[in-house]
Amino acid sequence: MTPRGRRSLITVIVFLAACGAGGTFLARSVGAAPAGNESVLRDSLKQFTSVYSVVEQNYAEPMTKDRIDTAIYDGAIPDMLHVLDPHSNFYDPKAFAAQREEQSGKYYGVGMQIMQQNNKIVVVNPFEGTPSYKAGIRPGDVIIAVDGKPVNGPGPDGKATRPATTLDVANMLKGDKGTSVTVTIAREGHAEPIVFHLVRAEIPRDSVDLAYDIQPGVGYVHIKDFAEEETSKQFDAALTKIGPVRGLVIDLRGNPGGLLSEAVSIAGDFLQKGQIIVSQRGRSFPPITYRDPHGDQGHNYPIVVLVNRGTASAAEIVSGALQDHDRALIAGETTFGKGLVQTLYPLSGDTELALTTYHYYTPSGRLIQRNYTGVSMYDYFFNPADRPSSDANREVKLTDSGRTVYGGGGITPDVKIDTPHSNRFEDILIEQFAFFNFANHYLVNHTVTKDFQVNDAVIHDFETYLTSKQISWTPQDIAGARDWIDMSIKSELFTSVFGQKEGLKVRAAWDPMIAKAITLLPQAAALQQHAQQVLAMRASGTPGEAEAAGH
C-alpha cells in the first residue's frame, strides 16, 4: 500500500474507531455496553481494511488523492450512514466550512445571488443594503471578469476555455472584510462593459425574507429556513416592524428546517409559559423536553400557519406545537415528515459527523418522522409516495382542546389547500428564464414606477420577446395563464427596480394559498377561543359541552 493510501486509510480507521469508542462510552454512561462490542468493532475494521487494501493495490486506474478522497468522503462514510437512515450525514472539510458559514448567518463578500445561464454567470439578485446593491448592480447583469480576470478563462490544461461555475465566481467574490474587488459586467443596452469597484463587507443571510402588512390589520411573515442562529431575532424584529395586527399568517412552505433552538424560540412567542414545544427521545441519551421559557409576549391574535410538502424538521416542530396547543390553524398540505434529530460530532481534519440520536415528538406525543424503510434516497426526498393516503391505521393523538390529530408522517393540516400546479406552457417559460430575461430587456427602454401595472401593451412586448427568443406560444397559452403571467412580469420588474422584497410582495399578493389563509383567520380565532374555554373549564374542574365539542 502506498504512503498516501495508508494516510487515507488511517483517516477512515480513526473515524470508525472514534464512532465505536464514542458509542461504547455513551452506552456505558447510560447502561452496561454489550460485552462483544469491542470484538465486533475489531472484526469490522479488519474486514474494511482488507477490502480497502485490495482496492488501493489493484483498481484499474491509479488511486490518486482526489480519487481516494472521493471514495472515502463521497462513498464509504456517507453510504455507511445512509444505510442507517436518510438524515445521518458526514461533512468533509468543504461541506463543514459551508455549514458553519450558513449557521452563522453571515459571510464576507459583495452580496449577490448568481446563477449559470447559457455558459454565462448572471446576477439573479443583489441583496438589499449590500455593496453590490448600493453600487447599482442589477439582476440580469452578466459577470465577465473579477479583478480583471475573465470568469471564462483557461481550463486546467491552460489552453481550452471552460465555462466558470457559480462556485468559481462566488469564491472569487468572497474575501476578507474591507478588502476591494473589481467586478466587470455586461448589461443589455450598454455597448461597453461596466466596471464596479466594491469593498467587501459582512453579508447577512436573512431567514425571514418577507414580513409586512399584507392587508390592513393582517400581518404576513415568510420564514425560508431556521438555518441561522439569528432566525428567532429576525422573526421578533419582523413582528415588531409589522406592529399591532388582528391576525397573522406565518408561511413555512418549503422551509427545510434547521436549528432546534430557533424553532423552540419562535414557537414560544405564541404559547404560554411552561407549555411543551417538543420532546426528544433516543436510545443512548435521557429524554429531553423543551418548554416555552417566556410566554406569548402579548402576541394573542389568531394565527394561520401555511405548510406544504417541503415543510420539514424545525418547521414541523413549530407547526406541530402550535397545532397541538390549538394556538394556530395549520393550512396547506401534509408536511415532509422529518422527525430524526442529528447530534453533531466534530472530528479531526475539519470534518463533522451528523448522527441521528433522537426522534422528535410533538406536545401531544406525535412522532413526526415518516417511514423510510425500503425506500430509496431519491424517492424519500423527491418522490414521497409513502405519504399516508388516509388517516386509517395512523397514530391518533389529541390537542389541548380534544381535537384529533395524526402522527407518523408529518403534520396533517387542519384545512387542506392544494399547491397550484403549472401547465406545460408555464413550465417552459420558467425553464427558459423568460420573465427574468424579459425584465432586463424591457428596462432598457422603459421606466417602471410603483404604480406600474401589466397591461395589453406590456403583454404585446412580452409576446414579441418570446418570438425573438424562439419560445413558442399561442394566444390561448397567454390568455389561459394571463393572471400568472401578469404577476411574474411585475414581480421580476419590481425586483430589478426596487429590490427583492418588493418583488416578493407582488408574488405574495397574487398567491392563492396566501389569499385562502387570510380568509381562515376567523376560523383560527374561533379555534383559539374554544381552546381557551376548554382549558378554563378544566382548570375549574367543570368539563362539559365545550370539551365534548372539541372531539
Protein backbone atom coordinates (compact mmCIF):
# COMPACT_ATOMS: atom_id res chain seq x y z
CA MET A 1 0.00 0.00 0.00
CA THR A 2 1.30 3.44 -0.88
CA PRO A 3 2.04 6.05 1.85
CA ARG A 4 -0.82 8.20 0.52
CA GLY A 5 -3.19 5.23 0.66
CA ARG A 6 -2.07 4.44 4.19
CA ARG A 7 -2.74 8.03 5.30
CA SER A 8 -6.27 7.94 3.88
CA LEU A 9 -6.92 4.51 5.34
CA ILE A 10 -5.76 5.72 8.74
CA THR A 11 -8.26 8.57 8.47
CA VAL A 12 -11.09 6.10 7.97
CA ILE A 13 -9.88 3.79 10.72
CA VAL A 14 -9.61 6.68 13.17
CA PHE A 15 -13.11 7.79 12.16
CA LEU A 16 -14.63 4.33 12.63
CA ALA A 17 -12.74 3.77 15.84
CA ALA A 18 -13.94 7.11 17.16
CA CYS A 19 -17.52 6.18 16.35
CA GLY A 20 -17.11 2.82 18.04
CA ALA A 21 -15.34 4.22 21.08
CA GLY A 22 -17.85 7.05 21.36
CA GLY A 23 -20.75 4.65 21.11
CA THR A 24 -19.22 2.37 23.76
CA PHE A 25 -18.60 5.32 26.08
CA LEU A 26 -22.14 6.63 25.66
CA ALA A 27 -23.62 3.19 26.17
CA ARG A 28 -21.65 2.79 29.40
CA SER A 29 -22.75 6.23 30.59
CA VAL A 30 -26.39 5.10 30.36
CA GLY A 31 -26.09 1.38 30.94
CA ALA A 32 -23.71 -1.53 30.50
CA ALA A 33 -22.29 -1.95 27.00
CA PRO A 34 -22.67 -5.34 25.35
CA ALA A 35 -19.62 -7.46 26.04
CA GLY A 36 -18.97 -8.21 22.38
CA ASN A 37 -18.85 -4.59 21.19
CA GLU A 38 -15.05 -4.30 21.04
CA SER A 39 -14.69 -7.65 19.28
CA VAL A 40 -17.31 -6.70 16.69
CA LEU A 41 -15.54 -3.39 16.10
CA ARG A 42 -12.18 -5.11 15.57
CA ASP A 43 -13.71 -7.60 13.13
CA SER A 44 -15.44 -4.79 11.20
CA LEU A 45 -12.25 -2.74 10.94
CA LYS A 46 -10.31 -5.79 9.76
CA GLN A 47 -12.86 -6.51 7.05
CA PHE A 48 -12.86 -2.88 5.91
CA THR A 49 -9.06 -2.60 5.78
CA SER A 50 -8.87 -5.84 3.78
CA VAL A 51 -11.31 -4.52 1.17
CA TYR A 52 -9.61 -1.13 1.05
CA SER A 53 -6.16 -2.72 0.63
CA VAL A 54 -7.32 -4.80 -2.35
CA VAL A 55 -8.92 -1.73 -3.98
CA GLU A 56 -5.89 0.50 -3.39
CA GLN A 57 -3.44 -2.01 -4.87
CA ASN A 58 -5.44 -3.46 -7.75
CA TYR A 59 -8.00 -0.94 -9.03
CA ALA A 60 -7.78 -0.45 -12.82
CA GLU A 61 -6.88 3.24 -12.53
CA PRO A 62 -4.36 4.96 -10.24
CA MET A 63 -5.69 5.71 -6.75
CA THR A 64 -4.85 9.41 -6.72
CA LYS A 65 -5.53 11.61 -3.70
CA ASP A 66 -8.69 13.00 -5.31
CA ARG A 67 -9.97 9.52 -6.09
CA ILE A 68 -9.19 8.31 -2.58
CA ASP A 69 -10.90 11.32 -1.02
CA THR A 70 -13.94 10.76 -3.24
CA ALA A 71 -14.10 7.08 -2.31
CA ILE A 72 -13.95 7.93 1.39
CA TYR A 73 -15.85 11.22 1.70
CA ASP A 74 -18.46 10.59 -1.02
CA GLY A 75 -18.63 6.82 -0.83
CA ALA A 76 -17.64 4.75 2.20
CA ILE A 77 -18.67 7.08 5.01
CA PRO A 78 -21.93 8.54 3.57
CA ASP A 79 -23.08 5.13 2.36
CA MET A 80 -22.46 3.63 5.81
CA LEU A 81 -24.57 6.37 7.40
CA HIS A 82 -27.36 6.30 4.80
CA VAL A 83 -27.87 2.60 5.42
CA LEU A 84 -28.94 3.65 8.93
CA ASP A 85 -31.33 6.47 7.97
CA PRO A 86 -31.70 9.23 5.34
CA HIS A 87 -30.52 12.07 7.57
CA SER A 88 -27.30 10.90 9.25
CA ASN A 89 -24.52 12.58 7.29
CA PHE A 90 -20.81 13.28 7.09
CA TYR A 91 -19.37 16.69 6.27
CA ASP A 92 -15.98 16.79 4.56
CA PRO A 93 -13.84 19.92 5.10
CA LYS A 94 -15.58 21.94 2.35
CA ALA A 95 -19.08 20.96 3.45
CA PHE A 96 -18.13 21.52 7.08
CA ALA A 97 -16.96 25.07 6.34
CA ALA A 98 -20.09 25.82 4.30
CA GLN A 99 -22.33 24.53 7.08
CA ARG A 100 -20.59 26.70 9.68
CA GLU A 101 -20.97 29.74 7.42
CA GLU A 102 -24.64 29.01 6.88
CA GLN A 103 -25.37 28.59 10.58
CA SER A 104 -23.57 31.80 11.49
CA GLY A 105 -25.88 33.58 9.04
CA LYS A 106 -23.15 35.77 7.57
CA TYR A 107 -20.08 35.85 5.37
CA TYR A 108 -17.83 38.46 3.81
CA GLY A 109 -18.30 39.43 0.19
CA VAL A 110 -20.27 41.78 -2.04
CA GLY A 111 -23.78 40.37 -1.54
CA MET A 112 -25.31 38.93 -4.68
CA GLN A 113 -27.01 35.74 -5.81
CA ILE A 114 -25.68 34.40 -9.11
CA MET A 115 -26.56 31.57 -11.49
CA GLN A 116 -25.14 29.92 -14.57
CA GLN A 117 -27.20 30.53 -17.74
CA ASN A 118 -26.04 29.62 -21.24
CA ASN A 119 -22.40 29.34 -20.07
CA LYS A 120 -22.59 32.81 -18.52
CA ILE A 121 -22.61 33.87 -14.88
CA VAL A 122 -25.67 36.04 -14.40
CA VAL A 123 -26.66 38.11 -11.38
CA VAL A 124 -30.00 36.86 -10.07
CA ASN A 125 -30.35 39.42 -7.33
CA PRO A 126 -28.11 41.81 -5.40
CA PHE A 127 -29.09 41.60 -1.74
CA GLU A 128 -30.54 44.84 -0.44
CA GLY A 129 -28.17 47.02 1.54
CA THR A 130 -25.03 45.17 0.39
CA PRO A 131 -22.07 46.60 -1.59
CA SER A 132 -23.35 45.20 -4.91
CA TYR A 133 -26.83 46.64 -4.34
CA LYS A 134 -25.58 50.06 -3.30
CA ALA A 135 -23.22 50.20 -6.29
CA GLY A 136 -26.09 49.64 -8.75
CA ILE A 137 -25.52 46.08 -9.94
CA ARG A 138 -28.81 44.74 -11.30
CA PRO A 139 -30.47 41.38 -11.86
CA GLY A 140 -29.53 40.15 -15.33
CA ASP A 141 -26.05 41.68 -15.32
CA VAL A 142 -23.51 39.22 -16.73
CA ILE A 143 -20.24 38.96 -14.80
CA ILE A 144 -17.41 38.80 -17.32
CA ALA A 145 -14.40 39.44 -15.06
CA VAL A 146 -13.39 39.68 -11.41
CA ASP A 147 -10.30 41.74 -10.59
CA GLY A 148 -9.55 41.81 -14.30
CA LYS A 149 -9.53 38.02 -14.59
CA PRO A 150 -12.10 36.70 -17.10
CA VAL A 151 -14.52 34.31 -15.45
CA ASN A 152 -14.48 32.14 -18.59
CA GLY A 153 -10.75 31.71 -18.59
CA PRO A 154 -8.28 28.93 -19.43
CA GLY A 155 -9.19 25.47 -18.24
CA PRO A 156 -6.97 23.03 -16.34
CA ASP A 157 -4.83 22.44 -19.43
CA GLY A 158 -4.03 26.16 -19.64
CA LYS A 159 -5.40 26.38 -23.18
CA ALA A 160 -9.05 25.45 -23.58
CA THR A 161 -11.60 27.90 -22.29
CA ARG A 162 -14.07 26.44 -19.85
CA PRO A 163 -17.31 27.96 -18.54
CA ALA A 164 -16.93 29.20 -14.99
CA THR A 165 -19.21 27.69 -12.36
CA THR A 166 -21.20 29.70 -9.85
CA LEU A 167 -18.93 28.31 -7.14
CA ASP A 168 -15.84 29.53 -9.01
CA VAL A 169 -17.17 33.08 -9.21
CA ALA A 170 -18.63 33.06 -5.70
CA ASN A 171 -15.21 32.18 -4.31
CA MET A 172 -13.64 34.98 -6.36
CA LEU A 173 -16.12 37.49 -4.93
CA LYS A 174 -15.69 36.44 -1.31
CA GLY A 175 -12.81 37.71 0.78
CA ASP A 176 -11.81 39.46 3.97
CA LYS A 177 -13.94 42.30 5.27
CA GLY A 178 -12.77 45.69 3.99
CA THR A 179 -10.83 44.33 1.02
CA SER A 180 -11.57 45.56 -2.50
CA VAL A 181 -12.73 43.67 -5.54
CA THR A 182 -13.40 44.88 -9.08
CA VAL A 183 -16.36 43.36 -10.91
CA THR A 184 -16.78 43.86 -14.66
CA ILE A 185 -20.23 43.23 -16.05
CA ALA A 186 -22.04 43.28 -19.39
CA ARG A 187 -25.52 44.80 -19.38
CA GLU A 188 -28.15 44.71 -22.10
CA GLY A 189 -28.47 48.13 -23.71
CA HIS A 190 -24.86 49.10 -22.91
CA ALA A 191 -22.30 48.78 -25.68
CA GLU A 192 -19.33 48.73 -23.32
CA PRO A 193 -18.70 46.71 -20.13
CA ILE A 194 -19.39 48.45 -16.81
CA VAL A 195 -16.76 48.26 -14.07
CA PHE A 196 -17.74 48.30 -10.38
CA HIS A 197 -15.20 48.83 -7.61
CA LEU A 198 -16.63 47.20 -4.48
CA VAL A 199 -15.45 46.88 -0.89
CA ARG A 200 -16.30 43.56 0.72
CA ALA A 201 -18.49 43.68 3.81
CA GLU A 202 -20.30 41.35 6.18
CA ILE A 203 -23.28 39.91 4.30
CA PRO A 204 -26.21 38.75 6.45
CA ARG A 205 -28.37 35.89 5.26
CA ASP A 206 -31.95 36.60 6.22
CA SER A 207 -34.05 33.60 7.24
CA VAL A 208 -37.06 35.91 7.46
CA ASP A 209 -37.07 37.30 3.94
CA LEU A 210 -40.51 38.94 3.87
CA ALA A 211 -42.63 40.50 6.63
CA TYR A 212 -45.28 43.18 6.14
CA ASP A 213 -48.98 44.10 6.42
CA ILE A 214 -50.35 42.08 3.53
CA GLN A 215 -53.80 43.56 4.23
CA PRO A 216 -54.90 46.23 6.72
CA GLY A 217 -54.60 44.59 10.13
CA VAL A 218 -53.19 41.31 8.76
CA GLY A 219 -49.50 40.53 9.10
CA TYR A 220 -47.61 38.14 6.86
CA VAL A 221 -44.20 36.60 7.68
CA HIS A 222 -42.29 34.18 5.46
CA ILE A 223 -39.54 32.14 7.15
CA LYS A 224 -37.46 30.41 4.48
CA ASP A 225 -35.41 28.29 6.94
CA PHE A 226 -34.15 28.00 10.52
CA ALA A 227 -30.54 27.59 9.44
CA GLU A 228 -29.19 30.70 11.12
CA GLU A 229 -28.53 31.40 14.77
CA GLU A 230 -30.27 34.77 14.27
CA THR A 231 -33.58 33.42 12.90
CA SER A 232 -35.63 33.99 16.05
CA LYS A 233 -34.22 37.52 16.46
CA GLN A 234 -35.13 38.28 12.85
CA PHE A 235 -38.64 36.93 13.47
CA ASP A 236 -39.12 39.03 16.61
CA ALA A 237 -37.87 42.11 14.75
CA ALA A 238 -40.34 41.35 11.93
CA LEU A 239 -43.27 41.21 14.36
CA THR A 240 -42.19 44.50 15.90
CA LYS A 241 -41.91 46.10 12.46
CA ILE A 242 -45.37 44.92 11.43
CA GLY A 243 -46.85 46.27 14.65
CA PRO A 244 -50.33 45.63 16.09
CA VAL A 245 -52.44 43.31 13.94
CA ARG A 246 -55.75 41.44 14.21
CA GLY A 247 -54.30 38.30 12.64
CA LEU A 248 -51.06 36.78 11.38
CA VAL A 249 -50.13 34.38 8.56
CA ILE A 250 -46.84 32.54 9.10
CA ASP A 251 -45.61 30.97 5.85
CA LEU A 252 -43.44 27.88 6.37
CA ARG A 253 -43.89 26.42 2.88
CA GLY A 254 -40.65 25.00 1.52
CA ASN A 255 -38.89 25.58 4.86
CA PRO A 256 -36.44 22.65 5.27
CA GLY A 257 -35.81 23.32 8.97
CA GLY A 258 -32.52 23.99 10.69
CA LEU A 259 -31.63 24.79 14.28
CA LEU A 260 -33.87 23.38 17.00
CA SER A 261 -33.16 26.30 19.32
CA GLU A 262 -34.58 28.78 16.80
CA ALA A 263 -37.74 26.74 16.28
CA VAL A 264 -38.29 26.50 20.05
CA SER A 265 -37.83 30.24 20.45
CA ILE A 266 -40.27 31.14 17.65
CA ALA A 267 -42.97 28.69 18.80
CA GLY A 268 -42.58 30.08 22.30
CA ASP A 269 -43.57 33.54 21.11
CA PHE A 270 -47.18 32.34 20.93
CA LEU A 271 -47.54 29.78 23.74
CA GLN A 272 -48.00 30.02 27.49
CA LYS A 273 -45.00 29.84 29.75
CA GLY A 274 -44.17 26.23 30.60
CA GLN A 275 -46.09 24.64 27.73
CA ILE A 276 -44.26 21.81 25.94
CA ILE A 277 -42.94 22.70 22.49
CA VAL A 278 -41.19 19.46 21.52
CA SER A 279 -39.57 16.45 23.14
CA GLN A 280 -36.68 14.21 22.09
CA ARG A 281 -36.28 10.52 22.84
CA GLY A 282 -33.35 8.30 21.93
CA ARG A 283 -31.58 5.10 22.86
CA SER A 284 -28.36 6.37 24.38
CA PHE A 285 -29.43 9.64 25.94
CA PRO A 286 -32.02 10.68 28.53
CA PRO A 287 -35.18 12.19 27.01
CA ILE A 288 -35.31 15.97 26.70
CA THR A 289 -38.43 18.12 26.85
CA TYR A 290 -38.35 21.72 25.61
CA ARG A 291 -40.86 24.08 27.21
CA ASP A 292 -41.77 27.68 26.48
CA PRO A 293 -39.47 29.70 28.74
CA HIS A 294 -41.05 33.15 28.44
CA GLY A 295 -44.73 33.12 27.42
CA ASP A 296 -46.54 34.61 24.43
CA GLN A 297 -45.06 38.12 24.64
CA GLY A 298 -48.51 39.62 24.16
CA HIS A 299 -48.98 38.04 20.70
CA ASN A 300 -52.51 36.78 21.36
CA TYR A 301 -54.03 37.29 17.90
CA PRO A 302 -55.25 34.41 15.70
CA ILE A 303 -52.65 32.68 13.54
CA VAL A 304 -52.76 30.64 10.35
CA VAL A 305 -49.60 28.66 9.50
CA LEU A 306 -49.09 27.73 5.84
CA VAL A 307 -47.27 24.44 5.19
CA ASN A 308 -46.60 22.12 2.24
CA ARG A 309 -44.63 19.01 1.36
CA GLY A 310 -41.38 20.95 1.64
CA THR A 311 -42.03 21.95 5.26
CA ALA A 312 -39.67 19.84 7.35
CA SER A 313 -37.86 19.31 10.64
CA ALA A 314 -37.69 22.51 12.71
CA ALA A 315 -40.55 23.98 10.67
CA GLU A 316 -42.64 20.93 11.58
CA ILE A 317 -41.77 21.45 15.24
CA VAL A 318 -43.21 24.97 15.11
CA SER A 319 -46.38 23.96 13.24
CA GLY A 320 -46.85 20.82 15.37
CA ALA A 321 -46.52 22.71 18.65
CA LEU A 322 -48.94 25.45 17.61
CA GLN A 323 -51.42 22.86 16.34
CA ASP A 324 -51.27 20.63 19.42
CA HIS A 325 -51.89 23.59 21.72
CA ASP A 326 -54.72 24.85 19.45
CA ARG A 327 -52.80 28.09 19.07
CA ALA A 328 -52.82 28.20 15.28
CA LEU A 329 -54.78 26.79 12.39
CA ILE A 330 -52.48 24.77 10.12
CA ALA A 331 -53.35 25.07 6.43
CA GLY A 332 -51.90 23.64 3.23
CA GLU A 333 -50.50 20.16 2.58
CA THR A 334 -49.17 17.38 4.81
CA THR A 335 -45.58 18.23 5.68
CA PHE A 336 -42.43 16.31 4.80
CA GLY A 337 -42.19 14.17 7.96
CA LYS A 338 -38.62 14.65 9.20
CA GLY A 339 -38.51 13.81 12.91
CA LEU A 340 -34.99 12.44 13.27
CA VAL A 341 -32.63 14.52 15.41
CA GLN A 342 -28.94 14.70 14.47
CA THR A 343 -26.23 15.36 17.03
CA LEU A 344 -23.10 16.97 15.57
CA TYR A 345 -19.75 15.36 16.38
CA PRO A 346 -16.70 17.40 15.29
CA LEU A 347 -13.95 15.11 14.01
CA SER A 348 -10.34 15.62 13.03
CA GLY A 349 -9.34 17.44 9.86
CA ASP A 350 -12.23 19.93 9.94
CA THR A 351 -14.82 17.25 9.34
CA GLU A 352 -18.06 16.57 11.19
CA LEU A 353 -20.49 13.72 11.73
CA ALA A 354 -24.21 14.40 11.97
CA LEU A 355 -25.57 11.23 13.60
CA THR A 356 -29.23 10.53 14.33
CA THR A 357 -29.54 10.20 18.10
CA TYR A 358 -33.17 11.12 18.86
CA HIS A 359 -36.71 11.23 17.50
CA TYR A 360 -38.86 14.37 17.68
CA TYR A 361 -42.31 14.21 19.28
CA THR A 362 -44.91 16.99 19.29
CA PRO A 363 -46.53 18.09 22.59
CA SER A 364 -49.39 15.58 22.14
CA GLY A 365 -46.83 12.79 21.65
CA ARG A 366 -46.99 12.51 17.86
CA LEU A 367 -43.93 11.13 16.06
CA ILE A 368 -43.16 13.49 13.17
CA GLN A 369 -40.95 11.06 11.21
CA ARG A 370 -42.50 9.16 8.31
CA ASN A 371 -41.48 5.69 7.21
CA TYR A 372 -38.22 5.30 5.25
CA THR A 373 -37.74 1.52 5.45
CA GLY A 374 -37.18 0.04 1.99
CA VAL A 375 -37.41 3.47 0.34
CA SER A 376 -34.61 4.74 -1.92
CA MET A 377 -32.90 8.01 -1.03
CA TYR A 378 -34.28 9.59 -4.20
CA ASP A 379 -37.86 8.54 -3.52
CA TYR A 380 -37.59 9.53 0.13
CA PHE A 381 -36.58 13.10 -0.68
CA PHE A 382 -38.17 13.74 -4.08
CA ASN A 383 -40.96 11.24 -4.66
CA PRO A 384 -42.59 10.57 -1.29
CA ALA A 385 -45.15 8.03 -2.46
CA ASP A 386 -45.23 6.56 1.05
CA ARG A 387 -47.16 9.51 2.48
CA PRO A 388 -50.30 8.30 4.27
CA SER A 389 -53.18 8.27 1.77
CA SER A 390 -55.76 8.22 4.56
CA ASP A 391 -55.99 8.57 8.31
CA ALA A 392 -56.78 4.87 8.77
CA ASN A 393 -54.26 2.97 10.91
CA ARG A 394 -52.40 6.19 11.72
CA GLU A 395 -51.25 7.23 15.16
CA VAL A 396 -54.07 9.20 16.81
CA LYS A 397 -53.48 11.92 19.42
CA LEU A 398 -55.50 14.79 20.87
CA THR A 399 -54.80 18.52 21.03
CA ASP A 400 -55.26 20.50 24.25
CA SER A 401 -58.95 21.05 23.47
CA GLY A 402 -59.51 17.44 22.42
CA ARG A 403 -59.26 17.74 18.64
CA THR A 404 -57.97 14.66 16.82
CA VAL A 405 -54.56 14.91 15.17
CA TYR A 406 -52.46 12.26 13.45
CA GLY A 407 -48.82 11.24 13.70
CA GLY A 408 -46.41 9.02 11.86
CA GLY A 409 -45.92 11.04 8.72
CA GLY A 410 -45.52 14.76 9.06
CA ILE A 411 -48.05 17.35 10.24
CA THR A 412 -51.51 16.95 8.73
CA PRO A 413 -53.12 20.37 8.13
CA ASP A 414 -56.41 21.36 9.74
CA VAL A 415 -57.51 22.79 6.39
CA LYS A 416 -56.21 21.34 3.14
CA ILE A 417 -55.10 23.81 0.47
CA ASP A 418 -53.54 22.38 -2.68
CA THR A 419 -50.46 23.98 -4.18
CA PRO A 420 -51.29 25.48 -7.61
CA HIS A 421 -49.94 23.34 -10.43
CA SER A 422 -48.40 24.82 -13.56
CA ASN A 423 -49.19 23.74 -17.10
CA ARG A 424 -46.62 22.87 -19.77
CA PHE A 425 -46.51 26.39 -21.23
CA GLU A 426 -45.85 27.89 -17.81
CA ASP A 427 -43.11 25.32 -17.20
CA ILE A 428 -41.42 26.29 -20.48
CA LEU A 429 -41.45 29.98 -19.54
CA ILE A 430 -39.81 29.15 -16.21
CA GLU A 431 -37.25 26.80 -17.74
CA GLN A 432 -36.26 29.46 -20.30
CA PHE A 433 -35.95 32.20 -17.64
CA ALA A 434 -38.45 34.11 -19.79
CA PHE A 435 -39.64 36.57 -17.15
CA PHE A 436 -36.19 37.22 -15.69
CA ASN A 437 -34.67 37.93 -19.10
CA PHE A 438 -37.68 39.89 -20.35
CA ALA A 439 -37.49 42.23 -17.35
CA ASN A 440 -33.89 43.16 -18.21
CA HIS A 441 -34.85 43.62 -21.87
CA TYR A 442 -37.90 45.74 -21.01
CA LEU A 443 -36.00 48.08 -18.68
CA VAL A 444 -33.60 49.11 -21.45
CA ASN A 445 -36.30 51.32 -22.99
CA HIS A 446 -38.91 51.66 -20.23
CA THR A 447 -39.18 53.18 -16.75
CA VAL A 448 -41.12 51.38 -14.04
CA THR A 449 -42.72 53.14 -11.06
CA LYS A 450 -44.54 51.77 -8.01
CA ASP A 451 -47.94 52.24 -9.69
CA PHE A 452 -46.91 50.07 -12.67
CA GLN A 453 -49.43 47.51 -13.89
CA VAL A 454 -49.06 44.93 -16.64
CA ASN A 455 -51.42 45.99 -19.45
CA ASP A 456 -52.03 44.78 -23.00
CA ALA A 457 -49.11 46.85 -24.32
CA VAL A 458 -46.71 45.13 -21.91
CA ILE A 459 -48.12 41.73 -22.87
CA HIS A 460 -47.60 42.59 -26.56
CA ASP A 461 -43.94 43.41 -25.81
CA PHE A 462 -43.67 40.11 -23.94
CA GLU A 463 -45.11 38.15 -26.85
CA THR A 464 -42.69 39.87 -29.24
CA TYR A 465 -39.83 38.99 -26.92
CA LEU A 466 -40.87 35.32 -26.75
CA THR A 467 -40.95 35.16 -30.54
CA SER A 468 -37.48 36.74 -30.78
CA LYS A 469 -36.16 34.02 -28.44
CA GLN A 470 -37.91 31.27 -30.40
CA ILE A 471 -40.17 30.37 -27.48
CA SER A 472 -43.41 29.06 -28.98
CA TRP A 473 -46.72 30.49 -27.76
CA THR A 474 -50.33 30.90 -28.83
CA PRO A 475 -52.94 33.49 -27.85
CA GLN A 476 -54.68 30.69 -25.97
CA ASP A 477 -51.48 30.00 -23.98
CA ILE A 478 -51.23 33.65 -22.93
CA ALA A 479 -54.94 34.00 -22.13
CA GLY A 480 -55.02 30.78 -20.13
CA ALA A 481 -52.22 31.95 -17.82
CA ARG A 482 -52.72 35.71 -18.01
CA ASP A 483 -53.10 36.35 -14.28
CA TRP A 484 -49.95 34.37 -13.50
CA ILE A 485 -48.03 35.96 -16.39
CA ASP A 486 -49.00 39.47 -15.23
CA MET A 487 -47.74 38.66 -11.73
CA SER A 488 -44.49 37.10 -12.95
CA ILE A 489 -43.62 40.06 -15.20
CA LYS A 490 -44.41 42.62 -12.50
CA SER A 491 -42.52 40.66 -9.83
CA GLU A 492 -39.33 40.48 -11.91
CA LEU A 493 -39.56 44.16 -12.84
CA PHE A 494 -40.09 45.23 -9.23
CA THR A 495 -37.20 43.03 -8.10
CA SER A 496 -34.89 44.70 -10.63
CA VAL A 497 -36.02 48.27 -9.90
CA PHE A 498 -37.00 48.27 -6.22
CA GLY A 499 -35.29 45.22 -4.70
CA GLN A 500 -36.10 41.62 -3.86
CA LYS A 501 -38.62 42.34 -1.09
CA GLU A 502 -40.84 44.35 -3.42
CA GLY A 503 -40.76 41.52 -5.95
CA LEU A 504 -41.71 39.02 -3.23
CA LYS A 505 -44.61 41.25 -2.17
CA VAL A 506 -46.01 41.11 -5.71
CA ARG A 507 -45.92 37.31 -5.61
CA ALA A 508 -47.46 37.16 -2.13
CA ALA A 509 -50.32 39.47 -3.15
CA TRP A 510 -51.14 37.09 -6.04
CA ASP A 511 -50.57 33.76 -4.22
CA PRO A 512 -53.91 31.89 -3.95
CA MET A 513 -52.73 29.86 -0.94
CA ILE A 514 -51.93 33.04 1.00
CA ALA A 515 -55.27 34.53 -0.04
CA LYS A 516 -57.06 31.44 1.29
CA ALA A 517 -55.03 31.54 4.52
CA ILE A 518 -56.18 35.09 5.18
CA THR A 519 -59.83 34.02 4.88
CA LEU A 520 -59.18 31.35 7.53
CA LEU A 521 -58.22 33.84 10.26
CA PRO A 522 -61.78 33.96 11.72
CA GLN A 523 -61.69 30.14 11.94
CA ALA A 524 -58.30 30.36 13.69
CA ALA A 525 -59.78 32.88 16.13
CA ALA A 526 -62.69 30.53 16.90
CA LEU A 527 -60.24 27.65 17.43
CA GLN A 528 -58.18 29.71 19.84
CA GLN A 529 -61.25 30.91 21.76
CA HIS A 530 -62.67 27.40 22.04
CA ALA A 531 -59.37 26.03 23.35
CA GLN A 532 -59.23 28.76 26.00
CA GLN A 533 -62.77 27.87 27.12
CA VAL A 534 -61.91 24.16 27.39
CA LEU A 535 -58.75 24.85 29.39
CA ALA A 536 -60.61 27.25 31.69
CA MET A 537 -63.28 24.62 32.36
CA ARG A 538 -60.64 22.00 33.13
CA ALA A 539 -58.87 24.38 35.46
CA SER A 540 -62.14 24.98 37.32
CA GLY A 541 -62.91 21.26 37.39
CA THR A 542 -66.08 21.55 35.30
CA PRO A 543 -65.52 19.91 31.89
CA GLY A 544 -68.65 19.85 29.81
CA GLU A 545 -70.09 20.79 26.46
CA ALA A 546 -67.10 22.89 25.35
CA GLU A 547 -64.71 19.98 25.80
CA ALA A 548 -67.04 17.49 24.14
CA ALA A 549 -67.33 19.81 21.16
CA GLY A 550 -63.60 19.57 20.63
CA HIS A 551 -63.67 15.87 19.71
